[in-house]
N, C-alpha and C. Protein backbone atom coordinates (compact mmCIF):
# COMPACT_ATOMS: atom_id res chain seq x y z
N MET A 1 -37.35 4.98 5.06
CA MET A 1 -38.61 4.46 5.63
C MET A 1 -39.85 5.44 5.20
N SER A 2 -40.38 4.95 4.51
CA SER A 2 -41.27 5.84 3.90
C SER A 2 -42.76 5.21 4.36
N ASN A 3 -43.39 6.27 4.74
CA ASN A 3 -44.83 5.67 5.16
C ASN A 3 -45.63 5.67 4.40
N SER A 4 -46.21 4.63 3.68
CA SER A 4 -47.14 4.51 2.75
C SER A 4 -48.64 5.18 2.54
N ARG A 5 -48.96 5.57 4.23
CA ARG A 5 -50.03 6.44 4.42
C ARG A 5 -49.75 8.23 4.30
N SER A 6 -48.25 8.60 4.59
CA SER A 6 -48.44 9.75 4.39
C SER A 6 -48.37 10.34 2.62
N SER A 7 -48.04 9.13 2.02
CA SER A 7 -47.88 9.63 0.47
C SER A 7 -49.25 9.77 -0.16
N GLU A 8 -50.37 9.08 0.49
CA GLU A 8 -51.50 9.25 -0.35
C GLU A 8 -52.00 10.61 -0.29
N THR A 9 -52.67 10.94 -1.32
CA THR A 9 -53.31 12.39 -1.22
C THR A 9 -54.68 11.97 -1.28
N ILE A 10 -55.54 13.08 -0.32
CA ILE A 10 -56.98 12.92 -0.59
C ILE A 10 -57.56 13.46 -1.73
N SER A 11 -58.53 12.64 -2.11
CA SER A 11 -59.13 12.87 -3.55
C SER A 11 -60.34 14.10 -3.27
N VAL A 12 -60.54 14.64 -4.19
CA VAL A 12 -61.69 15.67 -4.19
C VAL A 12 -63.15 14.89 -3.46
N GLY A 13 -63.57 13.63 -3.68
CA GLY A 13 -64.56 13.10 -3.18
C GLY A 13 -64.36 12.68 -1.77
N ASP A 14 -63.37 12.59 -1.30
CA ASP A 14 -62.88 12.06 -0.06
C ASP A 14 -63.15 13.49 0.86
N TRP A 15 -62.64 14.68 0.31
CA TRP A 15 -63.10 15.80 1.29
C TRP A 15 -63.84 16.40 1.11
N THR A 16 -64.92 15.79 0.21
CA THR A 16 -66.50 16.45 0.02
C THR A 16 -67.07 15.43 0.89
N VAL A 17 -67.01 14.22 1.20
CA VAL A 17 -67.46 13.75 2.29
C VAL A 17 -66.82 13.99 3.92
N THR A 18 -65.69 14.69 3.57
CA THR A 18 -65.07 15.27 5.30
C THR A 18 -66.04 16.25 5.50
N PHE A 19 -66.19 17.39 4.58
CA PHE A 19 -66.59 18.34 4.96
C PHE A 19 -68.35 18.26 5.45
N ILE A 20 -68.94 17.07 4.57
CA ILE A 20 -70.40 16.61 4.95
C ILE A 20 -70.40 16.37 6.14
N ILE A 21 -69.41 15.37 6.47
CA ILE A 21 -69.25 14.82 8.18
C ILE A 21 -69.06 16.06 8.67
N LEU A 22 -68.51 17.37 8.65
CA LEU A 22 -67.99 17.95 9.52
C LEU A 22 -69.37 18.88 9.62
N ALA A 23 -70.21 18.79 8.67
CA ALA A 23 -71.52 19.60 8.77
C ALA A 23 -72.51 19.04 9.64
N ILE A 24 -72.32 17.97 10.23
CA ILE A 24 -73.48 17.25 11.04
C ILE A 24 -73.15 17.63 12.55
N PRO A 25 -74.03 18.27 13.08
CA PRO A 25 -73.77 18.79 14.51
C PRO A 25 -73.52 17.48 15.45
N LEU A 26 -72.78 17.66 16.42
CA LEU A 26 -72.15 16.83 17.08
C LEU A 26 -71.23 16.07 16.76
N VAL A 27 -71.41 15.42 15.81
CA VAL A 27 -70.76 14.15 14.79
C VAL A 27 -69.41 14.86 14.37
N ASN A 28 -69.41 16.09 14.05
CA ASN A 28 -68.33 16.61 13.57
C ASN A 28 -67.29 16.76 14.51
N ILE A 29 -67.48 17.18 16.00
CA ILE A 29 -66.67 17.12 16.93
C ILE A 29 -65.80 16.04 17.53
N GLY A 30 -66.75 14.67 17.63
CA GLY A 30 -66.24 13.46 17.48
C GLY A 30 -65.43 13.11 16.32
N ALA A 31 -65.44 13.36 14.85
CA ALA A 31 -64.82 13.26 13.94
C ALA A 31 -63.59 14.08 13.95
N MET A 32 -63.56 15.44 14.39
CA MET A 32 -62.46 16.47 14.38
C MET A 32 -61.38 15.68 15.14
N LEU A 33 -62.05 15.28 16.57
CA LEU A 33 -60.74 14.88 17.36
C LEU A 33 -60.20 13.36 17.19
N TYR A 34 -60.98 12.57 16.34
CA TYR A 34 -60.62 11.82 15.96
C TYR A 34 -59.36 11.57 15.03
N TRP A 35 -59.96 12.44 13.73
CA TRP A 35 -58.86 12.88 13.19
C TRP A 35 -57.83 13.48 13.40
N ALA A 36 -57.75 14.21 14.41
CA ALA A 36 -56.65 14.82 14.89
C ALA A 36 -55.71 14.39 15.70
N PHE A 37 -56.34 13.37 16.60
CA PHE A 37 -55.37 12.65 17.63
C PHE A 37 -55.23 11.26 17.08
N SER A 38 -55.60 10.70 16.03
CA SER A 38 -55.61 9.37 15.51
C SER A 38 -54.49 9.30 14.80
N GLY A 39 -53.54 8.03 14.99
CA GLY A 39 -52.64 7.85 14.39
C GLY A 39 -52.86 7.25 13.04
N SER A 40 -53.91 6.64 12.83
CA SER A 40 -54.39 6.34 11.73
C SER A 40 -54.94 6.89 10.31
N ALA A 41 -55.49 8.24 10.77
CA ALA A 41 -55.73 9.26 9.76
C ALA A 41 -54.94 9.73 8.87
N ASN A 42 -54.88 10.24 7.79
CA ASN A 42 -54.44 10.52 6.50
C ASN A 42 -53.43 11.59 6.94
N PRO A 43 -52.11 11.94 7.19
CA PRO A 43 -51.45 13.15 7.73
C PRO A 43 -52.21 14.51 7.44
N SER A 44 -52.79 14.49 6.01
CA SER A 44 -53.10 16.07 5.50
C SER A 44 -54.65 15.87 6.44
N LYS A 45 -55.66 14.76 6.46
CA LYS A 45 -56.54 15.57 7.28
C LYS A 45 -56.52 15.34 8.89
N ARG A 46 -55.64 14.95 9.47
CA ARG A 46 -55.11 14.97 10.67
C ARG A 46 -54.51 16.83 10.92
N THR A 47 -53.46 16.76 10.20
CA THR A 47 -53.17 18.35 10.30
C THR A 47 -54.52 19.40 9.99
N TYR A 48 -55.18 19.22 9.34
CA TYR A 48 -56.38 19.70 8.89
C TYR A 48 -57.01 19.89 10.33
N ALA A 49 -57.33 18.85 10.92
CA ALA A 49 -58.30 18.77 11.89
C ALA A 49 -57.38 19.51 13.06
N GLN A 50 -56.23 19.32 13.31
CA GLN A 50 -55.27 20.12 14.17
C GLN A 50 -55.47 21.57 14.33
N ALA A 51 -55.28 22.34 13.13
CA ALA A 51 -55.32 23.65 12.56
C ALA A 51 -57.35 23.78 13.04
N SER A 52 -58.02 23.31 12.62
CA SER A 52 -59.15 23.45 12.85
C SER A 52 -59.73 23.70 14.70
N LEU A 53 -59.41 22.64 15.25
CA LEU A 53 -59.13 22.78 16.67
C LEU A 53 -58.70 23.53 17.17
N ILE A 54 -57.28 24.10 16.65
CA ILE A 54 -56.65 25.59 17.59
C ILE A 54 -57.57 26.77 17.43
N LEU A 55 -57.59 27.08 15.85
CA LEU A 55 -58.66 28.21 15.57
C LEU A 55 -59.86 28.16 16.28
N PHE A 56 -60.88 27.06 16.69
CA PHE A 56 -61.64 27.19 17.50
C PHE A 56 -61.56 27.44 18.79
N ALA A 57 -60.55 26.67 19.43
CA ALA A 57 -60.13 27.33 20.84
C ALA A 57 -59.80 28.85 20.55
N VAL A 58 -59.06 29.69 19.76
CA VAL A 58 -59.11 30.70 19.81
C VAL A 58 -60.16 31.58 19.90
N ALA A 59 -61.23 31.31 18.88
CA ALA A 59 -62.52 31.82 19.01
C ALA A 59 -63.26 31.89 19.80
N VAL A 60 -63.24 30.60 20.81
CA VAL A 60 -63.67 30.64 21.80
C VAL A 60 -62.84 30.98 23.32
N VAL A 61 -61.94 31.36 23.31
CA VAL A 61 -61.06 32.47 24.16
C VAL A 61 -61.90 33.97 23.85
N PHE A 62 -61.55 34.02 22.44
CA PHE A 62 -61.88 35.51 21.98
C PHE A 62 -63.12 36.11 22.28
N TYR A 63 -64.35 34.94 22.14
CA TYR A 63 -65.88 35.08 22.57
C TYR A 63 -65.82 35.17 24.07
N LEU A 64 -64.94 34.71 24.84
CA LEU A 64 -65.44 34.78 26.43
C LEU A 64 -64.46 36.32 26.76
N LEU A 65 -63.69 36.49 26.34
CA LEU A 65 -63.16 37.99 26.68
C LEU A 65 -63.74 39.08 26.23
N VAL A 66 -64.68 38.94 24.93
CA VAL A 66 -65.54 39.66 24.60
C VAL A 66 -66.84 40.00 25.75
N VAL A 67 -67.45 38.52 26.23
CA VAL A 67 -68.25 38.58 27.13
C VAL A 67 -67.88 39.10 28.13
N VAL A 68 -66.74 38.72 29.10
CA VAL A 68 -65.96 39.26 30.14
C VAL A 68 -66.48 40.86 29.99
N VAL A 69 -65.72 41.35 28.81
CA VAL A 69 -65.60 42.48 28.84
C VAL A 69 -66.66 43.74 28.81
N PHE A 70 -67.76 43.04 28.21
CA PHE A 70 -68.84 43.42 27.95
C PHE A 70 -69.67 43.52 29.01
N GLY A 71 -69.85 42.56 29.35
CA GLY A 71 -70.64 42.15 30.88
C GLY A 71 -70.24 43.05 31.92
N VAL A 72 -68.89 43.02 32.28
CA VAL A 72 -68.30 44.26 33.46
C VAL A 72 -68.43 45.54 32.98
N SER A 73 -68.78 45.81 31.49
CA SER A 73 -68.83 47.56 31.24
C SER A 73 -70.21 47.61 31.83
N LEU A 74 -71.24 46.75 31.39
CA LEU A 74 -72.70 46.88 31.51
C LEU A 74 -73.12 46.64 32.84
N GLY A 75 -72.38 46.20 33.70
CA GLY A 75 -72.46 45.87 35.00
C GLY A 75 -72.31 47.14 35.66
N SER A 76 -70.94 47.63 35.68
CA SER A 76 -70.57 48.89 36.23
C SER A 76 -71.02 50.17 35.62
N SER A 77 -71.85 50.04 34.33
CA SER A 77 -72.58 51.10 34.25
C SER A 77 -73.71 51.46 34.82
N GLY A 78 -74.36 50.19 35.62
CA GLY A 78 -75.84 50.12 36.22
C GLY A 78 -76.96 50.13 34.84
N ALA A 79 -76.42 49.49 33.76
CA ALA A 79 -77.20 49.43 32.92
C ALA A 79 -78.17 47.71 33.26
N LEU A 80 -77.50 46.98 33.81
CA LEU A 80 -77.98 45.93 34.07
C LEU A 80 -78.98 45.71 35.47
N THR A 81 -79.02 46.93 36.11
CA THR A 81 -80.11 46.80 37.28
C THR A 81 -81.40 46.66 36.98
N ILE A 82 -82.33 46.17 38.05
CA ILE A 82 -83.64 46.17 37.70
C ILE A 82 -84.04 47.53 38.34
N PRO A 83 -84.87 47.88 37.63
CA PRO A 83 -85.89 49.05 38.70
C PRO A 83 -86.81 48.77 39.11
N GLU A 84 -86.85 49.56 40.04
CA GLU A 84 -87.86 49.40 41.66
C GLU A 84 -89.11 50.12 41.38
């Protein structure tokens, strides 16, 4: 039982349109979520969207860790105190 959708390849033109959509702020988030979790999306596009969302989540966690570490170190050094 072969799924006809899984055997389709995405053309260069389709990828170009995909990247143009992903360049539009806020629209890109909705499109990425739709492609990642929709059963009707092409499997290649779905996998790309899932991988991109995972990398985005890793980047957000790393960013938050850096902010917390530097915030704590600046706070404990007294660099953030307001002089009177």
